[in-house]
């Protein structure tokens, strides 16, 4: 099973629209670990780690996000998997 880890920055109308909570639910459904948080510049930042196909599915999901979100851009940076994450959290 090939592992993958990505750092993602999502811009658009992504704060105040349940983006973090719905991303957490999707990650838990897929068995992807990591975290998500709002940034001070209005974007959402996340790290996803897990099976390659599941992480790819998370990235694809983020192109739409929650029902109220309007995603304009996603920046994805691949990183080396760490295997130290064991849950998905919302950071405040």
Protein backbone atom coordinates (compact mmCIF):
# COMPACT_ATOMS: atom_id res chain seq x y z
CA UNK A 1 0.00 0.00 0.00
CA UNK A 2 1.56 3.26 -1.17
CA UNK A 3 1.43 6.15 1.32
CA UNK A 4 1.10 9.83 0.48
CA UNK A 5 1.24 13.09 2.43
CA UNK A 6 0.26 16.51 1.12
CA UNK A 7 0.12 20.05 2.45
CA UNK A 8 -2.84 21.90 0.96
CA UNK A 9 -3.89 25.57 0.86
CA UNK A 10 -7.47 26.22 -0.25
CA UNK A 11 -8.69 29.69 -1.16
CA UNK A 12 -12.10 31.15 -1.95
CA UNK A 13 -15.16 31.30 0.29
CA UNK A 14 -13.89 28.59 2.63
CA UNK A 15 -14.18 30.10 6.11
CA UNK A 16 -17.46 30.23 8.00
CA UNK A 17 -19.08 27.67 5.68
CA UNK A 18 -18.45 24.39 7.60
CA UNK A 19 -15.45 23.62 5.39
CA UNK A 20 -13.22 22.37 8.21
CA UNK A 21 -15.87 20.20 9.85
CA UNK A 22 -17.04 18.64 6.59
CA UNK A 23 -13.42 18.01 5.57
CA UNK A 24 -12.84 16.27 8.90
CA UNK A 25 -15.90 14.07 8.34
CA UNK A 26 -14.73 13.14 4.83
CA UNK A 27 -11.20 12.37 6.05
CA UNK A 28 -12.52 10.15 8.84
CA UNK A 29 -14.81 8.37 6.37
CA UNK A 30 -11.81 7.64 4.11
CA UNK A 31 -9.37 6.82 6.92
CA UNK A 32 -7.10 9.76 6.11
CA UNK A 33 -5.10 11.36 8.95
CA UNK A 34 -3.93 14.94 9.38
CA UNK A 35 -5.32 18.31 10.37
CA UNK A 36 -7.08 21.41 9.04
CA UNK A 37 -7.23 25.04 10.16
CA UNK A 38 -8.24 28.53 9.07
CA UNK A 39 -5.43 30.93 8.19
CA UNK A 40 -5.37 34.65 8.95
CA UNK A 41 -5.49 35.50 5.23
CA UNK A 42 -8.88 33.81 4.70
CA UNK A 43 -7.65 30.49 3.33
CA UNK A 44 -7.86 27.01 4.82
CA UNK A 45 -4.68 24.99 5.37
CA UNK A 46 -4.61 21.21 5.71
CA UNK A 47 -2.34 18.19 5.82
CA UNK A 48 -3.63 14.85 4.55
CA UNK A 49 -1.73 11.60 5.02
CA UNK A 50 -2.70 8.03 4.25
CA UNK A 51 -3.15 5.62 1.37
CA UNK A 52 -2.30 7.37 -1.89
CA UNK A 53 -5.71 6.85 -3.50
CA UNK A 54 -7.53 8.08 -0.37
CA UNK A 55 -5.37 11.22 -0.15
CA UNK A 56 -6.01 11.86 -3.85
CA UNK A 57 -9.74 11.53 -3.15
CA UNK A 58 -9.44 14.10 -0.32
CA UNK A 59 -7.71 16.56 -2.65
CA UNK A 60 -10.43 16.06 -5.26
CA UNK A 61 -13.12 16.54 -2.59
CA UNK A 62 -11.54 19.86 -1.57
CA UNK A 63 -12.16 21.29 -5.04
CA UNK A 64 -15.83 21.59 -3.98
CA UNK A 65 -15.79 21.27 -0.19
CA UNK A 66 -18.86 21.91 1.91
CA UNK A 67 -22.19 22.87 0.34
CA UNK A 68 -21.79 26.60 1.08
CA UNK A 69 -18.11 26.83 0.07
CA UNK A 70 -16.89 28.34 -3.19
CA UNK A 71 -13.37 27.07 -3.81
CA UNK A 72 -11.31 29.25 -6.15
CA UNK A 73 -7.86 27.67 -5.91
CA UNK A 74 -6.01 24.76 -4.34
CA UNK A 75 -2.25 24.60 -3.88
CA UNK A 76 -0.90 21.10 -3.21
CA UNK A 77 2.63 20.36 -2.04
CA UNK A 78 3.67 16.72 -1.69
CA UNK A 79 5.67 15.83 1.41
CA UNK A 80 7.30 12.68 2.71
CA UNK A 81 4.85 10.54 4.72
CA UNK A 82 5.63 10.51 8.45
CA UNK A 83 3.37 7.71 9.76
CA UNK A 84 3.10 9.61 13.06
CA UNK A 85 -0.47 10.86 12.56
CA UNK A 86 -3.27 8.67 13.88
CA UNK A 87 -6.35 10.91 13.64
CA UNK A 88 -7.74 13.94 11.84
CA UNK A 89 -8.07 17.15 13.85
CA UNK A 90 -9.36 20.67 13.46
CA UNK A 91 -6.74 23.10 14.71
CA UNK A 92 -7.84 26.41 16.22
